[in-house]
Amino acid sequence: MDQLEFFDIPSPCIGVCEANSKGFCKGCFRSREERLYWLEFSSDQKRHVVRLCQSRKARVLRARQEAARQQDKDSSSQSDLF
């Protein structure tokens, strides 16, 4: 039996509406289709999209951290040359 929903699941939109190179929103990490059909999705579909967005965001943050670590490593090895 499905649980009754008392509250609608809010859109994850944060007002930064710009697509990245892979087509996901830079603000909420939804795909174009997920943004377009949000109001038509069931609560279960919305929950699934929110989980996907959280996963995408975590992946992007890890990649940024790794890039920053690599840049720090590269710049520290450059200073050893002098």
N, C-alpha and C. Protein backbone atom coordinates (compact mmCIF):
# COMPACT_ATOMS: atom_id res chain seq x y z
N MET A 1 0.84 -1.19 0.00
CA MET A 1 0.00 0.00 0.00
C MET A 1 0.88 1.25 0.00
N ASP A 2 0.58 2.20 -0.84
CA ASP A 2 1.36 3.43 -0.93
C ASP A 2 1.08 4.33 0.26
N GLN A 3 2.12 5.05 0.66
CA GLN A 3 1.98 6.00 1.75
C GLN A 3 1.29 7.26 1.23
N LEU A 4 0.40 7.80 2.04
CA LEU A 4 -0.28 9.03 1.65
C LEU A 4 0.71 10.19 1.65
N GLU A 5 0.59 11.03 0.65
CA GLU A 5 1.43 12.22 0.55
C GLU A 5 0.65 13.42 1.05
N PHE A 6 1.17 14.06 2.08
CA PHE A 6 0.52 15.25 2.61
C PHE A 6 1.09 16.53 2.01
N PHE A 7 2.34 16.44 1.57
CA PHE A 7 3.01 17.61 1.01
C PHE A 7 3.57 17.26 -0.35
N ASP A 8 3.46 18.19 -1.26
CA ASP A 8 4.04 17.98 -2.58
C ASP A 8 5.56 18.10 -2.47
N ILE A 9 6.25 17.41 -3.30
CA ILE A 9 7.71 17.47 -3.31
C ILE A 9 8.12 18.71 -4.09
N PRO A 10 8.83 19.63 -3.43
CA PRO A 10 9.18 20.89 -4.11
C PRO A 10 10.23 20.67 -5.19
N SER A 11 10.21 21.54 -6.15
CA SER A 11 11.21 21.51 -7.20
C SER A 11 12.59 21.80 -6.60
N PRO A 12 13.62 21.11 -7.08
CA PRO A 12 14.97 21.38 -6.57
C PRO A 12 15.60 22.63 -7.18
N CYS A 13 14.86 23.35 -8.01
CA CYS A 13 15.38 24.54 -8.68
C CYS A 13 15.86 25.57 -7.65
N ILE A 14 17.06 26.13 -7.92
CA ILE A 14 17.59 27.18 -7.05
C ILE A 14 17.75 28.49 -7.81
N GLY A 15 17.21 28.53 -9.03
CA GLY A 15 17.22 29.76 -9.80
C GLY A 15 18.48 30.00 -10.61
N VAL A 16 19.34 29.01 -10.71
CA VAL A 16 20.53 29.10 -11.55
C VAL A 16 20.24 28.23 -12.77
N CYS A 17 19.59 28.81 -13.75
CA CYS A 17 19.08 28.03 -14.88
C CYS A 17 20.00 28.15 -16.08
N GLU A 18 21.03 27.32 -16.07
CA GLU A 18 22.01 27.30 -17.15
C GLU A 18 22.49 25.86 -17.31
N ALA A 19 22.50 25.38 -18.52
CA ALA A 19 22.90 24.00 -18.77
C ALA A 19 24.42 23.88 -18.88
N ASN A 20 24.93 22.76 -18.35
CA ASN A 20 26.36 22.49 -18.49
C ASN A 20 26.61 21.76 -19.81
N SER A 21 27.82 21.32 -20.03
CA SER A 21 28.18 20.68 -21.30
C SER A 21 27.46 19.36 -21.52
N LYS A 22 26.98 18.75 -20.46
CA LYS A 22 26.27 17.47 -20.58
C LYS A 22 24.75 17.65 -20.62
N GLY A 23 24.29 18.89 -20.54
CA GLY A 23 22.86 19.16 -20.64
C GLY A 23 22.13 19.23 -19.31
N PHE A 24 22.85 19.10 -18.20
CA PHE A 24 22.23 19.20 -16.89
C PHE A 24 22.30 20.64 -16.38
N CYS A 25 21.28 21.03 -15.65
CA CYS A 25 21.24 22.37 -15.08
C CYS A 25 22.38 22.52 -14.08
N LYS A 26 23.09 23.63 -14.14
CA LYS A 26 24.19 23.90 -13.22
C LYS A 26 23.70 24.18 -11.81
N GLY A 27 22.45 24.56 -11.67
CA GLY A 27 21.91 24.87 -10.34
C GLY A 27 21.31 23.67 -9.63
N CYS A 28 20.42 22.96 -10.31
CA CYS A 28 19.70 21.86 -9.65
C CYS A 28 20.11 20.48 -10.14
N PHE A 29 20.90 20.42 -11.21
CA PHE A 29 21.42 19.17 -11.76
C PHE A 29 20.35 18.28 -12.40
N ARG A 30 19.22 18.89 -12.81
CA ARG A 30 18.22 18.12 -13.54
C ARG A 30 18.51 18.17 -15.03
N SER A 31 18.07 17.13 -15.72
CA SER A 31 18.18 17.12 -17.18
C SER A 31 17.08 18.02 -17.75
N ARG A 32 17.17 18.26 -19.02
CA ARG A 32 16.16 19.09 -19.68
C ARG A 32 14.77 18.46 -19.53
N GLU A 33 14.67 17.15 -19.74
CA GLU A 33 13.39 16.46 -19.63
C GLU A 33 12.86 16.50 -18.20
N GLU A 34 13.76 16.34 -17.24
CA GLU A 34 13.34 16.38 -15.83
C GLU A 34 12.80 17.76 -15.46
N ARG A 35 13.39 18.80 -16.01
CA ARG A 35 12.88 20.16 -15.75
C ARG A 35 11.56 20.37 -16.47
N LEU A 36 11.49 19.91 -17.70
CA LEU A 36 10.31 20.13 -18.53
C LEU A 36 9.06 19.43 -17.98
N TYR A 37 9.23 18.21 -17.50
CA TYR A 37 8.08 17.41 -17.08
C TYR A 37 7.89 17.35 -15.56
N TRP A 38 8.59 18.16 -14.81
CA TRP A 38 8.53 18.11 -13.35
C TRP A 38 7.09 18.14 -12.83
N LEU A 39 6.28 19.03 -13.33
CA LEU A 39 4.91 19.18 -12.82
C LEU A 39 4.02 17.99 -13.17
N GLU A 40 4.41 17.21 -14.15
CA GLU A 40 3.64 16.04 -14.55
C GLU A 40 4.08 14.77 -13.83
N PHE A 41 5.23 14.80 -13.18
CA PHE A 41 5.75 13.62 -12.49
C PHE A 41 4.94 13.29 -11.25
N SER A 42 4.88 12.00 -10.94
CA SER A 42 4.27 11.56 -9.68
C SER A 42 5.26 11.85 -8.55
N SER A 43 4.81 11.72 -7.32
CA SER A 43 5.69 11.96 -6.17
C SER A 43 6.88 10.99 -6.18
N ASP A 44 6.63 9.73 -6.55
CA ASP A 44 7.73 8.76 -6.63
C ASP A 44 8.74 9.16 -7.69
N GLN A 45 8.27 9.62 -8.83
CA GLN A 45 9.17 10.07 -9.89
C GLN A 45 9.97 11.29 -9.45
N LYS A 46 9.32 12.20 -8.75
CA LYS A 46 10.02 13.40 -8.26
C LYS A 46 11.10 13.00 -7.25
N ARG A 47 10.79 12.07 -6.35
CA ARG A 47 11.79 11.61 -5.38
C ARG A 47 12.98 10.99 -6.10
N HIS A 48 12.70 10.22 -7.14
CA HIS A 48 13.77 9.59 -7.91
C HIS A 48 14.64 10.65 -8.57
N VAL A 49 14.04 11.67 -9.15
CA VAL A 49 14.79 12.75 -9.78
C VAL A 49 15.65 13.48 -8.75
N VAL A 50 15.11 13.73 -7.57
CA VAL A 50 15.87 14.42 -6.52
C VAL A 50 17.09 13.57 -6.14
N ARG A 51 16.91 12.25 -6.02
CA ARG A 51 18.06 11.37 -5.71
C ARG A 51 19.11 11.43 -6.83
N LEU A 52 18.64 11.42 -8.08
CA LEU A 52 19.58 11.54 -9.20
C LEU A 52 20.34 12.86 -9.15
N CYS A 53 19.64 13.93 -8.84
CA CYS A 53 20.27 15.25 -8.74
C CYS A 53 21.34 15.28 -7.65
N GLN A 54 21.03 14.68 -6.52
CA GLN A 54 22.00 14.63 -5.42
C GLN A 54 23.24 13.85 -5.83
N SER A 55 23.04 12.76 -6.54
CA SER A 55 24.15 11.96 -7.02
C SER A 55 25.00 12.73 -8.04
N ARG A 56 24.34 13.41 -8.95
CA ARG A 56 25.06 14.21 -9.95
C ARG A 56 25.86 15.33 -9.29
N LYS A 57 25.25 15.97 -8.32
CA LYS A 57 25.94 17.06 -7.62
C LYS A 57 27.17 16.54 -6.89
N ALA A 58 27.04 15.40 -6.23
CA ALA A 58 28.17 14.82 -5.51
C ALA A 58 29.31 14.48 -6.47
N ARG A 59 28.96 13.95 -7.64
CA ARG A 59 29.96 13.61 -8.65
C ARG A 59 30.70 14.85 -9.13
N VAL A 60 29.97 15.92 -9.37
CA VAL A 60 30.58 17.18 -9.83
C VAL A 60 31.49 17.75 -8.75
N LEU A 61 31.05 17.73 -7.50
CA LEU A 61 31.87 18.26 -6.41
C LEU A 61 33.15 17.44 -6.23
N ARG A 62 33.05 16.11 -6.34
CA ARG A 62 34.25 15.27 -6.25
C ARG A 62 35.23 15.59 -7.39
N ALA A 63 34.70 15.76 -8.59
CA ALA A 63 35.56 16.08 -9.74
C ALA A 63 36.25 17.43 -9.53
N ARG A 64 35.53 18.41 -9.00
CA ARG A 64 36.13 19.73 -8.74
C ARG A 64 37.22 19.63 -7.69
N GLN A 65 36.97 18.84 -6.63
CA GLN A 65 37.98 18.67 -5.58
C GLN A 65 39.22 17.99 -6.13
N GLU A 66 39.02 16.97 -6.96
CA GLU A 66 40.15 16.26 -7.55
C GLU A 66 40.94 17.19 -8.47
N ALA A 67 40.26 18.01 -9.24
CA ALA A 67 40.94 18.97 -10.12
C ALA A 67 41.73 19.98 -9.30
N ALA A 68 41.16 20.43 -8.19
CA ALA A 68 41.88 21.39 -7.33
C ALA A 68 43.11 20.73 -6.71
N ARG A 69 42.98 19.48 -6.28
CA ARG A 69 44.13 18.76 -5.72
C ARG A 69 45.23 18.60 -6.77
N GLN A 70 44.82 18.27 -7.98
CA GLN A 70 45.79 18.09 -9.06
C GLN A 70 46.49 19.41 -9.38
N GLN A 71 45.74 20.50 -9.37
CA GLN A 71 46.33 21.81 -9.64
C GLN A 71 47.32 22.18 -8.54
N ASP A 72 46.95 21.91 -7.27
CA ASP A 72 47.87 22.18 -6.17
C ASP A 72 49.14 21.36 -6.30
N LYS A 73 48.98 20.12 -6.68
CA LYS A 73 50.13 19.22 -6.85
C LYS A 73 51.02 19.72 -7.97
N ASP A 74 50.41 20.13 -9.09
CA ASP A 74 51.18 20.63 -10.23
C ASP A 74 51.91 21.92 -9.88
N SER A 75 51.25 22.82 -9.16
CA SER A 75 51.90 24.10 -8.83
C SER A 75 53.00 23.90 -7.80
N SER A 76 52.88 22.94 -6.90
CA SER A 76 53.94 22.71 -5.92
C SER A 76 55.15 22.06 -6.58
N SER A 77 54.93 21.22 -7.57
CA SER A 77 56.07 20.62 -8.27
C SER A 77 56.78 21.65 -9.14
N GLN A 78 56.07 22.64 -9.62
CA GLN A 78 56.69 23.71 -10.41
C GLN A 78 57.60 24.56 -9.53
N SER A 79 57.21 24.79 -8.29
CA SER A 79 58.03 25.63 -7.41
C SER A 79 59.32 24.92 -7.03
N ASP A 80 59.37 23.59 -7.11
CA ASP A 80 60.58 22.85 -6.80
C ASP A 80 61.66 23.08 -7.87
N LEU A 81 61.28 23.52 -9.03
CA LEU A 81 62.24 23.73 -10.10
C LEU A 81 63.11 24.96 -9.85
N PHE A 82 62.67 25.85 -8.97
CA PHE A 82 63.42 27.09 -8.75
C PHE A 82 64.08 27.09 -7.45
